[in-house]
Amino acid sequence: MSNDRDLMSDHELDQLLAHASTPPVADGARGRLLQRIAAEGRDEPPSPASSNVISLSEARARRSKPAPQPRLGWLAGLPLAASLALGIYL
């Protein structure tokens, strides 16, 4: 490798990748991929387990609900305020 902060040149990267092997494909992966493509072609909604995308209306509904405010922030701030007051006093 080169001495310039241990960066690889393009040639060195090409040599390294030439030694790499193709990763094995899991059993049934091609079938699952084809089923998913076919389902998207029929405009079927994806299964909830395979999708991490939520609709915009769901996101707005979640955002409109006020989250409960924990009082832990105030409790953590009390020693800091006392320390500041003591520092000013001294």
PDB file of N, CA and C in Angstrom:
ATOM      1  N   MET A   1       0.844  -1.183   0.000  1.00  0.00           N
ATOM      2  CA  MET A   1       0.000   0.000   0.000  1.00  0.00           C
ATOM      3  C   MET A   1       0.882   1.236   0.000  1.00  0.00           C
ATOM      4  N   SER A   2       0.316   2.337  -0.378  1.00  0.00           N
ATOM      5  CA  SER A   2       1.085   3.572  -0.431  1.00  0.00           C
ATOM      6  C   SER A   2       1.268   4.140   0.971  1.00  0.00           C
ATOM      7  N   ASN A   3       2.223   5.042   1.121  1.00  0.00           N
ATOM      8  CA  ASN A   3       2.516   5.627   2.425  1.00  0.00           C
ATOM      9  C   ASN A   3       1.680   6.856   2.724  1.00  0.00           C
ATOM     10  N   ASP A   4       0.877   7.314   1.793  1.00  0.00           N
ATOM     11  CA  ASP A   4       0.075   8.519   1.972  1.00  0.00           C
ATOM     12  C   ASP A   4      -1.134   8.198   2.853  1.00  0.00           C
ATOM     13  N   ARG A   5      -0.941   8.189   4.171  1.00  0.00           N
ATOM     14  CA  ARG A   5      -1.990   7.930   5.162  1.00  0.00           C
ATOM     15  C   ARG A   5      -2.719   6.616   4.905  1.00  0.00           C
ATOM     16  N   ASP A   6      -1.993   5.623   4.442  1.00  0.00           N
ATOM     17  CA  ASP A   6      -2.514   4.271   4.215  1.00  0.00           C
ATOM     18  C   ASP A   6      -3.693   4.236   3.252  1.00  0.00           C
ATOM     19  N   LEU A   7      -3.697   5.106   2.255  1.00  0.00           N
ATOM     20  CA  LEU A   7      -4.739   5.092   1.238  1.00  0.00           C
ATOM     21  C   LEU A   7      -4.316   4.177   0.099  1.00  0.00           C
ATOM     22  N   MET A   8      -5.289   3.509  -0.507  1.00  0.00           N
ATOM     23  CA  MET A   8      -5.012   2.635  -1.638  1.00  0.00           C
ATOM     24  C   MET A   8      -5.122   3.416  -2.939  1.00  0.00           C
ATOM     25  N   SER A   9      -4.281   3.058  -3.870  1.00  0.00           N
ATOM     26  CA  SER A   9      -4.425   3.630  -5.205  1.00  0.00           C
ATOM     27  C   SER A   9      -5.460   2.783  -5.967  1.00  0.00           C
ATOM     28  N   ASP A  10      -5.883   3.280  -7.108  1.00  0.00           N
ATOM     29  CA  ASP A  10      -6.866   2.545  -7.907  1.00  0.00           C
ATOM     30  C   ASP A  10      -6.295   1.195  -8.349  1.00  0.00           C
ATOM     31  N   HIS A  11      -5.037   1.179  -8.692  1.00  0.00           N
ATOM     32  CA  HIS A  11      -4.391  -0.057  -9.155  1.00  0.00           C
ATOM     33  C   HIS A  11      -4.343  -1.085  -8.021  1.00  0.00           C
ATOM     34  N   GLU A  12      -3.997  -0.636  -6.810  1.00  0.00           N
ATOM     35  CA  GLU A  12      -3.947  -1.545  -5.666  1.00  0.00           C
ATOM     36  C   GLU A  12      -5.326  -2.097  -5.330  1.00  0.00           C
ATOM     37  N   LEU A  13      -6.345  -1.266  -5.441  1.00  0.00           N
ATOM     38  CA  LEU A  13      -7.712  -1.722  -5.190  1.00  0.00           C
ATOM     39  C   LEU A  13      -8.137  -2.739  -6.238  1.00  0.00           C
ATOM     40  N   ASP A  14      -7.808  -2.489  -7.488  1.00  0.00           N
ATOM     41  CA  ASP A  14      -8.137  -3.444  -8.551  1.00  0.00           C
ATOM     42  C   ASP A  14      -7.462  -4.795  -8.315  1.00  0.00           C
ATOM     43  N   GLN A  15      -6.203  -4.767  -7.852  1.00  0.00           N
ATOM     44  CA  GLN A  15      -5.500  -6.019  -7.567  1.00  0.00           C
ATOM     45  C   GLN A  15      -6.172  -6.768  -6.410  1.00  0.00           C
ATOM     46  N   LEU A  16      -6.576  -6.047  -5.398  1.00  0.00           N
ATOM     47  CA  LEU A  16      -7.240  -6.669  -4.259  1.00  0.00           C
ATOM     48  C   LEU A  16      -8.577  -7.274  -4.665  1.00  0.00           C
ATOM     49  N   LEU A  17      -9.350  -6.546  -5.455  1.00  0.00           N
ATOM     50  CA  LEU A  17     -10.660  -7.042  -5.882  1.00  0.00           C
ATOM     51  C   LEU A  17     -10.545  -8.210  -6.851  1.00  0.00           C
ATOM     52  N   ALA A  18      -9.422  -8.330  -7.543  1.00  0.00           N
ATOM     53  CA  ALA A  18      -9.226  -9.453  -8.459  1.00  0.00           C
ATOM     54  C   ALA A  18      -9.157 -10.774  -7.692  1.00  0.00           C
ATOM     55  N   HIS A  19      -8.754 -10.723  -6.441  1.00  0.00           N
ATOM     56  CA  HIS A  19      -8.657 -11.934  -5.618  1.00  0.00           C
ATOM     57  C   HIS A  19      -9.971 -12.271  -4.916  1.00  0.00           C
ATOM     58  N   ALA A  20     -10.938 -11.389  -4.955  1.00  0.00           N
ATOM     59  CA  ALA A  20     -12.204 -11.614  -4.261  1.00  0.00           C
ATOM     60  C   ALA A  20     -13.048 -12.626  -5.013  1.00  0.00           C
ATOM     61  N   SER A  21     -13.823 -13.406  -4.253  1.00  0.00           N
ATOM     62  CA  SER A  21     -14.717 -14.382  -4.883  1.00  0.00           C
ATOM     63  C   SER A  21     -16.150 -13.854  -4.813  1.00  0.00           C
ATOM     64  N   THR A  22     -16.995 -14.410  -5.638  1.00  0.00           N
ATOM     65  CA  THR A  22     -18.405 -14.025  -5.658  1.00  0.00           C
ATOM     66  C   THR A  22     -19.091 -14.655  -4.453  1.00  0.00           C
ATOM     67  N   PRO A  23     -19.846 -13.877  -3.676  1.00  0.00           N
ATOM     68  CA  PRO A  23     -20.506 -14.449  -2.500  1.00  0.00           C
ATOM     69  C   PRO A  23     -21.605 -15.418  -2.923  1.00  0.00           C
ATOM     70  N   PRO A  24     -21.833 -16.459  -2.129  1.00  0.00           N
ATOM     71  CA  PRO A  24     -22.883 -17.426  -2.478  1.00  0.00           C
ATOM     72  C   PRO A  24     -24.271 -16.804  -2.295  1.00  0.00           C
ATOM     73  N   VAL A  25     -25.197 -17.199  -3.159  1.00  0.00           N
ATOM     74  CA  VAL A  25     -26.574 -16.707  -3.093  1.00  0.00           C
ATOM     75  C   VAL A  25     -27.381 -17.676  -2.234  1.00  0.00           C
ATOM     76  N   ALA A  26     -28.184 -17.157  -1.336  1.00  0.00           N
ATOM     77  CA  ALA A  26     -28.987 -17.997  -0.443  1.00  0.00           C
ATOM     78  C   ALA A  26     -30.012 -18.789  -1.233  1.00  0.00           C
ATOM     79  N   ASP A  27     -30.367 -19.957  -0.695  1.00  0.00           N
ATOM     80  CA  ASP A  27     -31.361 -20.806  -1.354  1.00  0.00           C
ATOM     81  C   ASP A  27     -32.703 -20.086  -1.407  1.00  0.00           C
ATOM     82  N   GLY A  28     -33.317 -20.076  -2.553  1.00  0.00           N
ATOM     83  CA  GLY A  28     -34.631 -19.469  -2.710  1.00  0.00           C
ATOM     84  C   GLY A  28     -34.619 -17.957  -2.873  1.00  0.00           C
ATOM     85  N   ALA A  29     -33.451 -17.340  -2.910  1.00  0.00           N
ATOM     86  CA  ALA A  29     -33.386 -15.884  -3.024  1.00  0.00           C
ATOM     87  C   ALA A  29     -33.926 -15.413  -4.371  1.00  0.00           C
ATOM     88  N   ARG A  30     -33.602 -16.145  -5.431  1.00  0.00           N
ATOM     89  CA  ARG A  30     -34.087 -15.755  -6.762  1.00  0.00           C
ATOM     90  C   ARG A  30     -35.609 -15.844  -6.827  1.00  0.00           C
ATOM     91  N   GLY A  31     -36.185 -16.896  -6.264  1.00  0.00           N
ATOM     92  CA  GLY A  31     -37.643 -17.049  -6.261  1.00  0.00           C
ATOM     93  C   GLY A  31     -38.330 -15.948  -5.483  1.00  0.00           C
ATOM     94  N   ARG A  32     -37.775 -15.596  -4.304  1.00  0.00           N
ATOM     95  CA  ARG A  32     -38.370 -14.516  -3.506  1.00  0.00           C
ATOM     96  C   ARG A  32     -38.282 -13.186  -4.241  1.00  0.00           C
ATOM     97  N   LEU A  33     -37.161 -12.953  -4.923  1.00  0.00           N
ATOM     98  CA  LEU A  33     -37.006 -11.710  -5.670  1.00  0.00           C
ATOM     99  C   LEU A  33     -38.020 -11.636  -6.805  1.00  0.00           C
ATOM    100  N   LEU A  34     -38.192 -12.722  -7.524  1.00  0.00           N
ATOM    101  CA  LEU A  34     -39.160 -12.723  -8.626  1.00  0.00           C
ATOM    102  C   LEU A  34     -40.583 -12.556  -8.116  1.00  0.00           C
ATOM    103  N   GLN A  35     -40.918 -13.161  -6.975  1.00  0.00           N
ATOM    104  CA  GLN A  35     -42.257 -12.977  -6.404  1.00  0.00           C
ATOM    105  C   GLN A  35     -42.482 -11.529  -5.987  1.00  0.00           C
ATOM    106  N   ARG A  36     -41.466 -10.920  -5.420  1.00  0.00           N
ATOM    107  CA  ARG A  36     -41.596  -9.523  -5.000  1.00  0.00           C
ATOM    108  C   ARG A  36     -41.774  -8.600  -6.204  1.00  0.00           C
ATOM    109  N   ILE A  37     -41.018  -8.863  -7.262  1.00  0.00           N
ATOM    110  CA  ILE A  37     -41.155  -8.054  -8.489  1.00  0.00           C
ATOM    111  C   ILE A  37     -42.547  -8.230  -9.079  1.00  0.00           C
ATOM    112  N   ALA A  38     -43.044  -9.464  -9.092  1.00  0.00           N
ATOM    113  CA  ALA A  38     -44.380  -9.723  -9.643  1.00  0.00           C
ATOM    114  C   ALA A  38     -45.443  -9.035  -8.794  1.00  0.00           C
ATOM    115  N   ALA A  39     -45.286  -9.041  -7.467  1.00  0.00           N
ATOM    116  CA  ALA A  39     -46.261  -8.393  -6.583  1.00  0.00           C
ATOM    117  C   ALA A  39     -46.262  -6.884  -6.802  1.00  0.00           C
ATOM    118  N   GLU A  40     -45.100  -6.290  -7.009  1.00  0.00           N
ATOM    119  CA  GLU A  40     -45.051  -4.850  -7.265  1.00  0.00           C
ATOM    120  C   GLU A  40     -45.653  -4.508  -8.619  1.00  0.00           C
ATOM    121  N   GLY A  41     -45.546  -5.420  -9.575  1.00  0.00           N
ATOM    122  CA  GLY A  41     -46.140  -5.195 -10.888  1.00  0.00           C
ATOM    123  C   GLY A  41     -47.655  -5.224 -10.842  1.00  0.00           C
ATOM    124  N   ARG A  42     -48.222  -5.961  -9.895  1.00  0.00           N
ATOM    125  CA  ARG A  42     -49.682  -6.036  -9.751  1.00  0.00           C
ATOM    126  C   ARG A  42     -50.207  -4.969  -8.807  1.00  0.00           C
ATOM    127  N   ASP A  43     -49.352  -4.075  -8.356  1.00  0.00           N
ATOM    128  CA  ASP A  43     -49.702  -2.991  -7.437  1.00  0.00           C
ATOM    129  C   ASP A  43     -50.252  -3.510  -6.117  1.00  0.00           C
ATOM    130  N   GLU A  44     -49.727  -4.639  -5.661  1.00  0.00           N
ATOM    131  CA  GLU A  44     -50.106  -5.150  -4.350  1.00  0.00           C
ATOM    132  C   GLU A  44     -49.255  -4.447  -3.309  1.00  0.00           C
ATOM    133  N   PRO A  45     -49.833  -4.142  -2.167  1.00  0.00           N
ATOM    134  CA  PRO A  45     -49.006  -3.522  -1.127  1.00  0.00           C
ATOM    135  C   PRO A  45     -47.999  -4.535  -0.595  1.00  0.00           C
ATOM    136  N   PRO A  46     -46.794  -4.102  -0.303  1.00  0.00           N
ATOM    137  CA  PRO A  46     -45.809  -5.032   0.238  1.00  0.00           C
ATOM    138  C   PRO A  46     -46.195  -5.467   1.643  1.00  0.00           C
ATOM    139  N   SER A  47     -45.696  -6.613   2.032  1.00  0.00           N
ATOM    140  CA  SER A  47     -46.018  -7.087   3.377  1.00  0.00           C
ATOM    141  C   SER A  47     -45.363  -6.170   4.397  1.00  0.00           C
ATOM    142  N   PRO A  48     -46.005  -5.957   5.553  1.00  0.00           N
ATOM    143  CA  PRO A  48     -45.452  -5.037   6.542  1.00  0.00           C
ATOM    144  C   PRO A  48     -44.087  -5.457   7.057  1.00  0.00           C
ATOM    145  N   ALA A  49     -43.819  -6.755   7.077  1.00  0.00           N
ATOM    146  CA  ALA A  49     -42.537  -7.221   7.596  1.00  0.00           C
ATOM    147  C   ALA A  49     -41.391  -6.882   6.640  1.00  0.00           C
ATOM    148  N   SER A  50     -41.679  -6.752   5.335  1.00  0.00           N
ATOM    149  CA  SER A  50     -40.608  -6.521   4.379  1.00  0.00           C
ATOM    150  C   SER A  50     -40.442  -5.048   4.027  1.00  0.00           C
ATOM    151  N   SER A  51     -41.246  -4.182   4.600  1.00  0.00           N
ATOM    152  CA  SER A  51     -41.167  -2.774   4.248  1.00  0.00           C
ATOM    153  C   SER A  51     -40.972  -1.926   5.492  1.00  0.00           C
ATOM    154  N   ASN A  52     -40.054  -0.982   5.411  1.00  0.00           N
ATOM    155  CA  ASN A  52     -39.846  -0.067   6.526  1.00  0.00           C
ATOM    156  C   ASN A  52     -40.306   1.340   6.161  1.00  0.00           C
ATOM    157  N   VAL A  53     -41.116   1.452   5.124  1.00  0.00           N
ATOM    158  CA  VAL A  53     -41.622   2.737   4.672  1.00  0.00           C
ATOM    159  C   VAL A  53     -43.019   2.941   5.233  1.00  0.00           C
ATOM    160  N   ILE A  54     -43.268   4.113   5.812  1.00  0.00           N
ATOM    161  CA  ILE A  54     -44.603   4.429   6.302  1.00  0.00           C
ATOM    162  C   ILE A  54     -45.188   5.532   5.432  1.00  0.00           C
ATOM    163  N   SER A  55     -46.501   5.582   5.391  1.00  0.00           N
ATOM    164  CA  SER A  55     -47.150   6.589   4.560  1.00  0.00           C
ATOM    165  C   SER A  55     -47.021   7.962   5.208  1.00  0.00           C
ATOM    166  N   LEU A  56     -47.186   8.991   4.395  1.00  0.00           N
ATOM    167  CA  LEU A  56     -47.066  10.353   4.886  1.00  0.00           C
ATOM    168  C   LEU A  56     -48.170  10.672   5.890  1.00  0.00           C
ATOM    169  N   SER A  57     -49.381  10.143   5.662  1.00  0.00           N
ATOM    170  CA  SER A  57     -50.478  10.405   6.600  1.00  0.00           C
ATOM    171  C   SER A  57     -50.200   9.764   7.966  1.00  0.00           C
ATOM    172  N   GLU A  58     -49.570   8.577   7.971  1.00  0.00           N
ATOM    173  CA  GLU A  58     -49.196   7.954   9.244  1.00  0.00           C
ATOM    174  C   GLU A  58     -48.156   8.785   9.969  1.00  0.00           C
ATOM    175  N   ALA A  59     -47.206   9.309   9.238  1.00  0.00           N
ATOM    176  CA  ALA A  59     -46.156  10.124   9.849  1.00  0.00           C
ATOM    177  C   ALA A  59     -46.750  11.399  10.441  1.00  0.00           C
ATOM    178  N   ARG A  60     -47.685  12.009   9.735  1.00  0.00           N
ATOM    179  CA  ARG A  60     -48.322  13.223  10.256  1.00  0.00           C
ATOM    180  C   ARG A  60     -49.151  12.909  11.500  1.00  0.00           C
ATOM    181  N   ALA A  61     -49.842  11.772  11.483  1.00  0.00           N
ATOM    182  CA  ALA A  61     -50.656  11.391  12.636  1.00  0.00           C
ATOM    183  C   ALA A  61     -49.770  11.128  13.848  1.00  0.00           C
ATOM    184  N   ARG A  62     -48.630  10.499  13.636  1.00  0.00           N
ATOM    185  CA  ARG A  62     -47.715  10.245  14.744  1.00  0.00           C
ATOM    186  C   ARG A  62     -47.148  11.547  15.285  1.00  0.00           C
ATOM    187  N   ARG A  63     -46.866  12.493  14.392  1.00  0.00           N
ATOM    188  CA  ARG A  63     -46.271  13.754  14.802  1.00  0.00           C
ATOM    189  C   ARG A  63     -47.280  14.633  15.523  1.00  0.00           C
ATOM    190  N   SER A  64     -48.567  14.514  15.178  1.00  0.00           N
ATOM    191  CA  SER A  64     -49.577  15.384  15.781  1.00  0.00           C
ATOM    192  C   SER A  64     -49.883  14.996  17.228  1.00  0.00           C
ATOM    193  N   LYS A  65     -49.610  13.744  17.598  1.00  0.00           N
ATOM    194  CA  LYS A  65     -49.847  13.319  18.972  1.00  0.00           C
ATOM    195  C   LYS A  65     -48.733  13.871  19.861  1.00  0.00           C
ATOM    196  N   PRO A  66     -49.088  14.603  20.915  1.00  0.00           N
ATOM    197  CA  PRO A  66     -48.028  15.121  21.787  1.00  0.00           C
ATOM    198  C   PRO A  66     -47.406  13.997  22.604  1.00  0.00           C
ATOM    199  N   ALA A  67     -46.105  13.986  22.633  1.00  0.00           N
ATOM    200  CA  ALA A  67     -45.395  12.985  23.418  1.00  0.00           C
ATOM    201  C   ALA A  67     -45.376  13.418  24.877  1.00  0.00           C
ATOM    202  N   PRO A  68     -45.495  12.478  25.792  1.00  0.00           N
ATOM    203  CA  PRO A  68     -45.430  12.851  27.209  1.00  0.00           C
ATOM    204  C   PRO A  68     -44.048  13.391  27.548  1.00  0.00           C
ATOM    205  N   GLN A  69     -44.025  14.504  28.256  1.00  0.00           N
ATOM    206  CA  GLN A  69     -42.768  15.141  28.614  1.00  0.00           C
ATOM    207  C   GLN A  69     -42.262  14.575  29.935  1.00  0.00           C
ATOM    208  N   PRO A  70     -41.119  13.939  29.921  1.00  0.00           N
ATOM    209  CA  PRO A  70     -40.586  13.412  31.177  1.00  0.00           C
ATOM    210  C   PRO A  70     -40.039  14.536  32.047  1.00  0.00           C
ATOM    211  N   ARG A  71     -40.136  14.364  33.332  1.00  0.00           N
ATOM    212  CA  ARG A  71     -39.639  15.375  34.260  1.00  0.00           C
ATOM    213  C   ARG A  71     -38.199  15.117  34.645  1.00  0.00           C
ATOM    214  N   LEU A  72     -37.601  14.126  34.042  1.00  0.00           N
ATOM    215  CA  LEU A  72     -36.221  13.798  34.352  1.00  0.00           C
ATOM    216  C   LEU A  72     -35.284  14.935  33.969  1.00  0.00           C
ATOM    217  N   GLY A  73     -35.609  15.667  32.927  1.00  0.00           N
ATOM    218  CA  GLY A  73     -34.778  16.797  32.511  1.00  0.00           C
ATOM    219  C   GLY A  73     -34.684  17.865  33.589  1.00  0.00           C
ATOM    220  N   TRP A  74     -35.809  18.133  34.235  1.00  0.00           N
ATOM    221  CA  TRP A  74     -35.811  19.116  35.317  1.00  0.00           C
ATOM    222  C   TRP A  74     -35.010  18.607  36.505  1.00  0.00           C
ATOM    223  N   LEU A  75     -35.159  17.338  36.801  1.00  0.00           N
ATOM    224  CA  LEU A  75     -34.432  16.758  37.928  1.00  0.00           C
ATOM    225  C   LEU A  75     -32.928  16.760  37.684  1.00  0.00           C
ATOM    226  N   ALA A  76     -32.525  16.541  36.447  1.00  0.00           N
ATOM    227  CA  ALA A  76     -31.099  16.561  36.130  1.00  0.00           C
ATOM    228  C   ALA A  76     -30.557  17.983  36.172  1.00  0.00           C
ATOM    229  N   GLY A  77     -31.394  18.962  35.896  1.00  0.00           N
ATOM    230  CA  GLY A  77     -30.953  20.348  35.888  1.00  0.00           C
ATOM    231  C   GLY A  77     -30.814  20.970  37.269  1.00  0.00           C
ATOM    232  N   LEU A  78     -31.473  20.409  38.259  1.00  0.00           N
ATOM    233  CA  LEU A  78     -31.413  20.983  39.606  1.00  0.00           C
ATOM    234  C   LEU A  78     -30.003  20.978  40.201  1.00  0.00           C
ATOM    235  N   PRO A  79     -29.254  19.895  40.169  1.00  0.00           N
ATOM    236  CA  PRO A  79     -27.888  19.953  40.699  1.00  0.00           C
ATOM    237  C   PRO A  79     -26.996  20.917  39.923  1.00  0.00           C
ATOM    238  N   LEU A  80     -27.225  21.009  38.629  1.00  0.00           N
ATOM    239  CA  LEU A  80     -26.438  21.951  37.834  1.00  0.00           C
ATOM    240  C   LEU A  80     -26.732  23.394  38.233  1.00  0.00           C
ATOM    241  N   ALA A  81     -28.005  23.696  38.459  1.00  0.00           N
ATOM    242  CA  ALA A  81     -28.377  25.046  38.879  1.00  0.00           C
ATOM    243  C   ALA A  81     -27.825  25.352  40.275  1.00  0.00           C
ATOM    244  N   ALA A  82     -27.862  24.370  41.159  1.00  0.00           N
ATOM    245  CA  ALA A  82     -27.322  24.572  42.498  1.00  0.00           C
ATOM    246  C   ALA A  82     -25.812  24.795  42.440  1.00  0.00           C
ATOM    247  N   SER A  83     -25.130  24.057  41.595  1.00  0.00           N
ATOM    248  CA  SER A  83     -23.691  24.218  41.439  1.00  0.00           C
ATOM    249  C   SER A  83     -23.360  25.603  40.874  1.00  0.00           C
ATOM    250  N   LEU A  84     -24.132  26.066  39.930  1.00  0.00           N
ATOM    251  CA  LEU A  84     -23.911  27.390  39.375  1.00  0.00           C
ATOM    252  C   LEU A  84     -24.146  28.471  40.425  1.00  0.00           C
ATOM    253  N   ALA A  85     -25.212  28.322  41.193  1.00  0.00           N
ATOM    254  CA  ALA A  85     -25.504  29.316  42.244  1.00  0.00           C
ATOM    255  C   ALA A  85     -24.401  29.332  43.289  1.00  0.00           C
ATOM    256  N   LEU A  86     -23.896  28.172  43.667  1.00  0.00           N
ATOM    257  CA  LEU A  86     -22.809  28.091  44.639  1.00  0.00           C
ATOM    258  C   LEU A  86     -21.544  28.717  44.078  1.00  0.00           C
ATOM    259  N   GLY A  87     -21.277  28.492  42.808  1.00  0.00           N
ATOM    260  CA  GLY A  87     -20.106  29.069  42.165  1.00  0.00           C
ATOM    261  C   GLY A  87     -20.196  30.587  42.127  1.00  0.00           C
ATOM    262  N   ILE A  88     -21.363  31.107  41.846  1.00  0.00           N
ATOM    263  CA  ILE A  88     -21.541  32.566  41.827  1.00  0.00           C
ATOM    264  C   ILE A  88     -21.379  33.125  43.231  1.00  0.00           C
ATOM    265  N   TYR A  89     -21.918  32.430  44.208  1.00  0.00           N
ATOM    266  CA  TYR A  89     -21.828  32.897  45.593  1.00  0.00           C
ATOM    267  C   TYR A  89     -20.371  32.947  46.073  1.00  0.00           C
ATOM    268  N   LEU A  90     -19.619  31.904  45.717  1.00  0.00           N
ATOM    269  CA  LEU A  90     -18.221  31.876  46.166  1.00  0.00           C
ATOM    270  C   LEU A  90     -17.400  32.880  45.409  1.00  0.00           C
TER     271      LEU A  90
END
